[in-house]
Protein backbone atom coordinates (compact mmCIF):
# COMPACT_ATOMS: atom_id res chain seq x y z
CA MET A 1 8.39 -96.20 14.72
CA GLY A 2 7.33 -95.08 18.25
CA VAL A 3 6.27 -91.49 17.41
CA GLY A 4 3.26 -89.71 19.27
CA TRP A 5 0.17 -88.32 17.72
CA GLY A 6 -2.50 -86.15 18.84
CA ARG A 7 -5.54 -83.95 17.27
CA GLU A 8 -5.07 -80.68 19.57
CA GLY A 9 -3.75 -77.72 17.58
CA SER A 10 -3.88 -79.56 14.15
CA ALA A 11 -6.07 -76.76 12.63
CA ALA A 12 -3.86 -74.06 13.63
CA MET A 13 -0.80 -75.83 12.63
CA SER A 14 -2.73 -76.23 9.01
CA GLY A 15 -3.17 -72.64 9.08
CA THR A 16 0.52 -72.06 9.76
CA LEU A 17 1.35 -74.17 6.61
CA ARG A 18 -1.11 -72.23 4.59
CA ASP A 19 0.84 -69.14 5.89
CA LEU A 20 4.16 -70.52 4.89
CA GLU A 21 2.70 -71.14 1.35
CA LYS A 22 1.54 -68.00 1.02
CA ARG A 23 4.96 -66.03 2.01
CA ALA A 24 6.99 -68.52 -0.11
CA SER A 25 4.47 -67.84 -3.03
CA ILE A 26 4.94 -64.07 -2.69
CA ARG A 27 9.00 -64.54 -2.37
CA THR A 28 9.13 -66.64 -5.79
CA LYS A 29 6.31 -65.53 -7.55
CA GLU A 30 5.32 -69.19 -7.53
CA ARG A 31 2.95 -71.44 -5.95
CA PHE A 32 4.74 -72.99 -3.17
CA ASP A 33 4.26 -76.73 -3.07
CA PRO A 34 5.23 -78.09 0.26
CA TYR A 35 4.88 -81.68 -1.02
CA LYS A 36 7.65 -81.29 -4.00
CA HIS A 37 10.29 -83.14 -1.87
CA ILE A 38 8.20 -85.41 0.21
CA ASN A 39 9.67 -89.14 0.49
CA TRP A 40 6.03 -90.89 -0.17
CA LYS A 41 7.61 -94.16 0.71
CA LYS A 42 8.43 -92.83 4.18
CA ALA A 43 5.07 -90.87 4.30
CA GLN A 44 3.28 -94.42 4.00
CA GLU A 45 4.48 -95.26 7.48
CA LEU A 46 1.90 -92.75 8.82
CA PHE A 47 -0.73 -94.08 6.86
CA GLU A 48 0.03 -97.72 7.97
CA ARG A 49 -0.24 -96.91 11.77
CA PRO A 50 -3.54 -98.10 13.41
CA MET A 51 -6.09 -95.74 13.66
CA PRO A 52 -7.03 -94.10 17.04
CA LYS A 53 -9.87 -95.61 18.68
CA ALA A 54 -12.94 -93.48 19.11
CA THR A 55 -14.36 -92.90 22.38
CA GLY A 56 -17.95 -92.31 23.64
CA SER A 57 -20.99 -94.40 23.22
CA TYR A 58 -21.52 -93.42 19.49
CA PHE A 59 -19.18 -92.96 16.71
CA ARG A 60 -19.64 -90.34 13.75
CA PRO A 61 -16.61 -90.39 11.61
CA THR A 62 -15.37 -86.83 10.58
CA ALA A 63 -14.30 -85.84 7.03
CA GLN A 64 -10.73 -86.17 8.73
CA ASP A 65 -11.27 -89.81 9.76
CA ILE A 66 -12.80 -90.60 6.34
CA LEU A 67 -9.85 -88.99 4.27
CA LEU A 68 -7.21 -90.94 6.45
CA PHE A 69 -9.05 -94.08 6.13
CA LEU A 70 -8.94 -93.92 2.29
CA ALA A 71 -5.16 -92.83 2.27
CA TYR A 72 -4.80 -95.82 4.50
CA ILE A 73 -6.10 -97.95 1.74
CA GLY A 74 -4.09 -96.16 -1.03
CA THR A 75 -4.48 -94.69 -4.53
CA GLU A 76 -4.32 -97.87 -5.83
CA THR A 77 -7.54 -99.58 -4.14
CA VAL A 78 -11.21 -98.83 -5.11
CA ILE A 79 -13.67 -99.22 -2.43
CA ASP A 80 -17.40 -99.47 -2.49
CA LEU A 81 -18.94 -96.32 -0.94
CA LEU A 82 -21.54 -98.23 1.04
CA ASP A 83 -18.63 -100.19 2.52
CA ILE A 84 -16.75 -97.31 4.23
CA PRO A 85 -18.90 -96.61 7.37
CA ARG A 86 -18.55 -100.43 8.30
CA ARG A 87 -14.93 -100.57 7.81
CA LEU A 88 -14.39 -97.27 9.52
CA ALA A 89 -16.38 -98.52 12.38
CA GLU A 90 -14.39 -101.93 12.56
CA SER A 91 -11.31 -100.11 12.56
CA THR A 92 -12.13 -97.74 15.46
CA HIS A 93 -15.29 -98.45 17.43
CA PRO A 94 -16.95 -101.63 16.41
CA GLY A 95 -20.92 -101.97 16.81
CA LEU A 96 -21.42 -98.35 17.35
CA ILE A 97 -22.63 -96.68 14.10
CA ASP A 98 -25.92 -96.34 12.62
CA PRO A 99 -25.29 -97.79 8.97
CA GLU A 100 -28.13 -95.80 7.08
CA TYR A 101 -27.33 -92.47 8.75
CA GLU A 102 -23.36 -92.71 8.25
CA THR A 103 -24.10 -94.05 4.62
CA TRP A 104 -25.95 -90.63 3.94
CA ARG A 105 -23.43 -88.69 5.87
CA THR A 106 -20.25 -90.32 4.15
CA ARG A 107 -21.80 -89.80 0.41
CA GLN A 108 -22.29 -85.98 1.37
CA ARG A 109 -18.50 -85.89 2.67
CA LEU A 110 -17.22 -87.75 -0.39
CA LYS A 111 -19.04 -85.36 -2.75
CA GLN A 112 -17.07 -82.62 -1.24
CA PHE A 113 -13.88 -84.41 -1.37
CA GLU A 114 -14.55 -84.96 -5.42
CA LYS A 115 -15.27 -81.39 -5.74
CA ARG A 116 -11.77 -80.72 -4.17
CA ARG A 117 -10.14 -83.27 -5.96
CA TYR A 118 -9.49 -85.46 -3.16
CA VAL A 119 -11.26 -88.36 -4.28
CA ALA A 120 -12.49 -89.82 -7.47
CA LEU A 121 -16.27 -91.31 -7.70
CA GLU A 122 -16.90 -93.75 -10.42
CA ARG A 123 -19.59 -96.62 -10.86
CA ASP A 124 -18.34 -100.08 -11.33
CA PRO A 125 -19.60 -102.52 -14.07
CA HIS A 126 -22.44 -103.56 -11.51
CA GLY A 127 -23.72 -99.99 -10.80
CA ARG A 128 -22.15 -99.76 -7.45
CA MET A 129 -20.58 -96.24 -6.68
CA THR A 130 -16.69 -96.60 -5.79
CA VAL A 131 -14.42 -94.64 -4.06
CA ARG A 132 -10.65 -93.94 -4.66
CA ILE A 133 -8.41 -91.51 -3.18
CA THR A 134 -6.50 -89.20 -5.61
CA LYS A 135 -2.62 -87.97 -5.12
CA HIS A 136 -4.10 -84.85 -4.08
CA GLY A 137 -6.13 -86.38 -1.31
CA MET A 138 -2.89 -88.12 -0.21
CA ARG A 139 -1.43 -84.83 0.25
CA ARG A 140 -4.34 -83.67 2.24
CA ALA A 141 -4.28 -86.90 4.52
CA LEU A 142 -0.58 -86.32 4.83
CA THR A 143 -1.02 -82.85 6.25
CA TYR A 144 -3.63 -84.29 8.73
CA ASN A 145 -1.30 -86.86 9.93
CA LEU A 146 1.58 -84.48 10.33
CA ASP A 147 -0.62 -82.04 12.21
CA MET A 148 -1.05 -84.74 14.85
CA LEU A 149 2.50 -85.28 15.37
CA LYS A 150 3.52 -84.83 18.87
CA LEU A 151 6.37 -85.72 21.62
CA ALA A 152 5.40 -88.13 24.17
CA ILE A 153 6.38 -86.16 27.84
CA PRO A 154 8.09 -88.34 30.15
CA VAL A 155 6.86 -88.33 33.75
CA ARG A 156 10.42 -87.09 34.87
CA TRP A 157 13.14 -85.73 32.79
CA ASP A 158 16.39 -87.47 32.72
CA GLY A 159 18.54 -84.35 32.68
CA LYS A 160 19.89 -84.42 29.22
CA TRP A 161 19.08 -82.24 26.37
CA ARG A 162 18.41 -83.06 22.71
CA VAL A 163 19.79 -80.79 20.04
CA VAL A 164 18.70 -80.73 16.36
CA MET A 165 21.25 -78.66 13.95
CA PHE A 166 20.59 -78.33 10.60
CA ASP A 167 21.99 -76.76 7.27
CA ILE A 168 19.60 -77.06 4.65
CA PRO A 169 21.13 -75.43 1.67
CA VAL A 170 19.48 -72.11 0.50
CA ARG A 171 17.90 -73.62 -2.81
CA TYR A 172 15.89 -75.96 -0.35
CA GLY A 173 14.79 -72.70 1.43
CA HIS A 174 10.77 -73.88 1.49
CA VAL A 175 11.65 -77.39 2.77
CA ARG A 176 13.73 -75.65 5.33
CA ASP A 177 10.57 -73.28 6.48
CA VAL A 178 8.44 -76.54 6.78
CA PHE A 179 11.14 -78.42 8.55
CA ARG A 180 11.26 -75.48 11.18
CA MET A 181 7.67 -75.42 11.59
CA ARG A 182 7.21 -79.05 12.44
CA LEU A 183 10.14 -78.72 14.77
CA ARG A 184 8.15 -75.95 16.65
CA GLN A 185 5.00 -78.03 16.25
CA LEU A 186 6.99 -80.63 18.33
CA GLY A 187 7.88 -78.13 20.85
CA LEU A 188 11.45 -77.59 20.32
CA PHE A 189 13.02 -74.26 21.50
CA LEU A 190 14.91 -72.10 19.23
CA LEU A 191 18.26 -71.97 20.75
CA GLN A 192 20.21 -70.05 17.89
CA GLU A 193 19.64 -70.09 14.03
CA SER A 194 19.21 -73.71 12.48
CA VAL A 195 19.73 -75.24 16.20
CA TYR A 196 16.72 -76.39 18.27
CA VAL A 197 16.72 -77.93 21.50
CA SER A 198 14.12 -80.27 23.60
CA PRO A 199 14.70 -81.69 27.05
CA TYR A 200 12.47 -84.70 25.78
CA PRO A 201 13.33 -87.84 23.74
CA CYS A 202 12.54 -87.03 20.06
CA PHE A 203 15.24 -88.79 17.94
CA ASP A 204 12.19 -91.01 16.20
CA GLU A 205 10.08 -87.84 15.30
CA VAL A 206 13.39 -86.05 13.81
CA GLU A 207 14.35 -89.07 11.92
CA PHE A 208 11.08 -89.33 10.45
CA LEU A 209 10.67 -85.84 9.43
CA ARG A 210 14.41 -85.43 7.69
CA GLU A 211 13.76 -88.73 6.14
CA LEU A 212 10.21 -87.38 5.13
CA TYR A 213 11.55 -84.13 3.47
CA GLY A 214 14.68 -85.50 1.95
CA VAL A 215 17.24 -83.56 4.12
CA SER A 216 18.74 -86.38 6.33
CA PHE A 217 22.37 -85.50 5.15
CA THR A 218 21.96 -81.91 6.53
CA VAL A 219 20.23 -82.80 9.86
CA ARG A 220 22.15 -83.88 13.07
CA TYR A 221 20.65 -85.19 16.26
CA LEU A 222 22.88 -84.49 19.48
CA LEU A 223 22.25 -85.81 23.17
CA VAL A 224 24.36 -83.54 25.67
CA GLU A 225 24.76 -83.79 28.98
CA ARG A 226 24.83 -79.88 29.79
CA ILE A 227 24.19 -76.54 28.11
CA GLU A 228 25.76 -73.70 29.24
CA ASP A 229 23.49 -70.82 31.23
CA ASP A 230 20.25 -73.25 30.27
CA GLU A 231 18.12 -71.11 33.21
CA HIS A 232 16.21 -69.94 30.42
CA LEU A 233 15.75 -73.25 28.76
CA ARG A 234 14.68 -74.61 32.14
CA ARG A 235 12.04 -71.80 32.59
CA PHE A 236 10.67 -72.45 29.26
CA TYR A 237 10.02 -76.09 29.68
CA LYS A 238 9.31 -75.55 33.73
CA LEU A 239 12.14 -77.73 34.77
CA PRO A 240 14.00 -77.48 37.95
CA ILE A 241 16.48 -74.96 38.07
């Protein structure tokens, strides 16, 4: 798909999403569900991408690593709890994991996940503890992945502007709020209402987001040679004036 990813700012973006949920809940007196209109077939593309390789001399999977790994496997697949640390290490940092220590840590993480309804823990007919991610867990994993979405910044600017315009209907106002938030996360500048701009290639990311949120028919991507009075944009992106 050609999109870029990074962990920086993921906690801040999660907080922003929670703020949006809270404000929307106040407006409608109903709990805002940012996943209501999600195209899960499109979302699966995030989980199918290779997991980023770990760095350093020792790999200790985080709660986020474990949940993303389970999301990659999917809601229809059950996995042996004892198998998770080994398969995680094989995916990200082969040979650099303490199986006994990480099995204990993984078990603690999964108990926390179970309390939050992210996973279902069950014993199979052979007495082994098995794990399956729930739909609620998939939603949380999707947020983790979206929070890591970022643009690849080229070494040199090609002198062109990327303009994203949208007219999402009022009845999909919650989707519009989340879509705007993701555009800001990608570093796009608000030129005027419902019009965002960036000097960097972002078609893949915008195309993915509009398909994900089911608003492709209302979103347009333009590649333009010139924007009138663009000095403030150049200053914002630290480009030559």
